[in-house]
Amino acid sequence: QVQLVESGGGSVQAGGSLRLSCVASGNIVTINTMGWYRQTPDKQRDLVATITRGGTTTYTDSVKGRFAISRDNAKKTVYLQMNSLKPEDTGVYYCNALVLTTSLRTSNTWGQGTVVTVSS
């Protein structure tokens, strides 16, 4: 079993910054792609950013130039540095990881989510 635990959410004013962290634990052999997704009450869970084990990143257009995803493979941790935050960045941020487990299965695992609120 694999667990992801997010932290770092909170409330900030527009223009501010937050840094999200997500730590993986459990029966892990290796962690492949990790990512962050955002969900608002009236929308589905949308991709924000992903990073491969080798460090290749992708971003949704609305956060390019403002957000930066990174990871520390030794710590089994992925980060999301969010700068120049806007009210439309408000939502629940979920961590996701594709994990090869000790049972040699690929587990698509989600964290419990962390809330980000940006006020104007």
Protein backbone atom coordinates (compact mmCIF):
# COMPACT_ATOMS: atom_id res chain seq x y z
CA GLN A 1 0.00 0.00 0.00
CA VAL A 2 1.16 3.49 -0.88
CA GLN A 3 0.26 6.75 0.83
CA LEU A 4 0.70 10.35 -0.28
CA VAL A 5 0.51 13.15 2.28
CA GLU A 6 0.28 16.76 1.13
CA SER A 7 1.07 19.88 3.13
CA GLY A 8 1.60 23.57 2.59
CA GLY A 9 -1.84 24.80 1.62
CA GLY A 10 -3.35 27.91 3.14
CA SER A 11 -4.84 31.31 2.50
CA VAL A 12 -2.96 34.11 0.80
CA GLN A 13 -3.71 37.36 -0.96
CA ALA A 14 -3.37 37.69 -4.69
CA GLY A 15 0.27 38.06 -5.68
CA GLY A 16 1.47 35.93 -2.79
CA SER A 17 3.27 32.60 -2.78
CA LEU A 18 2.81 29.13 -1.35
CA ARG A 19 4.85 25.97 -1.51
CA LEU A 20 3.10 22.61 -1.49
CA SER A 21 4.84 19.37 -0.55
CA CYS A 22 3.81 15.77 -0.99
CA VAL A 23 5.60 12.84 0.61
CA ALA A 24 5.13 9.25 -0.50
CA SER A 25 5.47 6.26 1.78
CA GLY A 26 4.65 2.58 1.81
CA ASN A 27 5.58 -0.42 -0.28
CA ILE A 28 7.47 1.50 -2.93
CA VAL A 29 10.03 0.19 -5.39
CA THR A 30 10.17 3.30 -7.52
CA ILE A 31 8.07 6.38 -8.19
CA ASN A 32 7.56 7.34 -11.80
CA THR A 33 5.62 10.44 -12.81
CA MET A 34 4.37 12.66 -10.00
CA GLY A 35 1.96 15.52 -10.39
CA TRP A 36 -0.33 18.10 -8.91
CA TYR A 37 -4.00 18.51 -9.79
CA ARG A 38 -6.52 21.17 -8.80
CA GLN A 39 -10.22 20.79 -8.17
CA THR A 40 -12.86 23.46 -7.62
CA PRO A 41 -16.49 22.79 -6.60
CA ASP A 42 -17.85 23.41 -10.05
CA LYS A 43 -15.12 21.70 -12.04
CA GLN A 44 -13.45 18.36 -12.44
CA ARG A 45 -9.96 17.67 -11.17
CA ASP A 46 -7.60 19.32 -13.65
CA LEU A 47 -3.91 18.81 -14.21
CA VAL A 48 -1.65 21.59 -12.94
CA ALA A 49 1.85 20.17 -13.41
CA THR A 50 3.72 16.89 -13.73
CA ILE A 51 7.32 15.78 -13.39
CA THR A 52 8.92 12.54 -14.47
CA ARG A 53 11.47 10.66 -12.46
CA GLY A 54 14.14 12.16 -14.69
CA GLY A 55 12.88 15.69 -14.13
CA THR A 56 10.93 16.45 -17.29
CA THR A 57 8.11 18.84 -16.44
CA THR A 58 4.78 19.85 -17.97
CA TYR A 59 2.43 22.64 -16.95
CA THR A 60 -1.07 23.70 -17.77
CA ASP A 61 -1.01 26.98 -19.66
CA SER A 62 -2.59 29.05 -16.89
CA VAL A 63 0.31 28.45 -14.47
CA LYS A 64 3.29 28.61 -16.82
CA GLY A 65 5.83 31.12 -15.59
CA ARG A 66 4.25 31.27 -12.13
CA PHE A 67 4.40 27.71 -10.76
CA ALA A 68 7.38 25.36 -10.56
CA ILE A 69 7.21 21.63 -9.87
CA SER A 70 10.24 19.78 -8.54
CA ARG A 71 11.01 16.52 -6.78
CA ASP A 72 13.53 14.89 -4.50
CA ASN A 73 13.66 11.22 -5.40
CA ALA A 74 15.68 10.29 -2.32
CA LYS A 75 13.02 11.84 -0.10
CA LYS A 76 10.14 10.52 -2.20
CA THR A 77 8.79 14.06 -2.26
CA VAL A 78 7.31 16.35 -4.90
CA TYR A 79 6.93 20.10 -4.49
CA LEU A 80 4.88 22.80 -6.14
CA GLN A 81 6.18 26.35 -5.74
CA MET A 82 3.34 28.72 -6.53
CA ASN A 83 4.15 32.38 -7.11
CA SER A 84 2.08 35.36 -8.24
CA LEU A 85 -1.04 33.57 -7.07
CA LYS A 86 -4.41 34.61 -8.49
CA PRO A 87 -7.93 34.11 -7.13
CA GLU A 88 -8.56 31.60 -9.91
CA ASP A 89 -5.81 29.40 -8.45
CA THR A 90 -8.12 28.71 -5.51
CA GLY A 91 -9.03 25.06 -5.05
CA VAL A 92 -8.10 21.76 -3.51
CA TYR A 93 -4.71 20.61 -4.70
CA TYR A 94 -4.13 16.89 -4.98
CA CYS A 95 -0.83 15.08 -5.32
CA ASN A 96 -0.66 12.10 -7.66
CA ALA A 97 2.01 9.49 -8.21
CA LEU A 98 2.51 6.45 -10.40
CA VAL A 99 4.26 4.00 -8.14
CA LEU A 100 5.78 0.60 -8.78
CA THR A 101 5.03 -1.31 -5.60
CA THR A 102 6.86 -4.20 -3.99
CA SER A 103 4.18 -6.50 -5.38
CA LEU A 104 5.35 -5.34 -8.83
CA ARG A 105 2.09 -3.57 -9.56
CA THR A 106 1.70 0.02 -10.72
CA SER A 107 -0.36 2.01 -8.26
CA ASN A 108 -1.99 5.27 -9.36
CA THR A 109 -2.12 6.93 -5.97
CA TRP A 110 -3.77 10.17 -4.79
CA GLY A 111 -3.22 12.24 -1.70
CA GLN A 112 -6.02 13.57 0.48
CA GLY A 113 -5.75 17.10 -0.88
CA THR A 114 -4.69 20.43 0.56
CA VAL A 115 -6.75 23.61 0.28
CA VAL A 116 -5.39 26.76 -1.34
CA THR A 117 -7.41 29.96 -1.08
CA VAL A 118 -6.33 33.13 -2.86
CA SER A 119 -8.21 36.31 -2.05
CA SER A 120 -8.32 39.40 -4.21
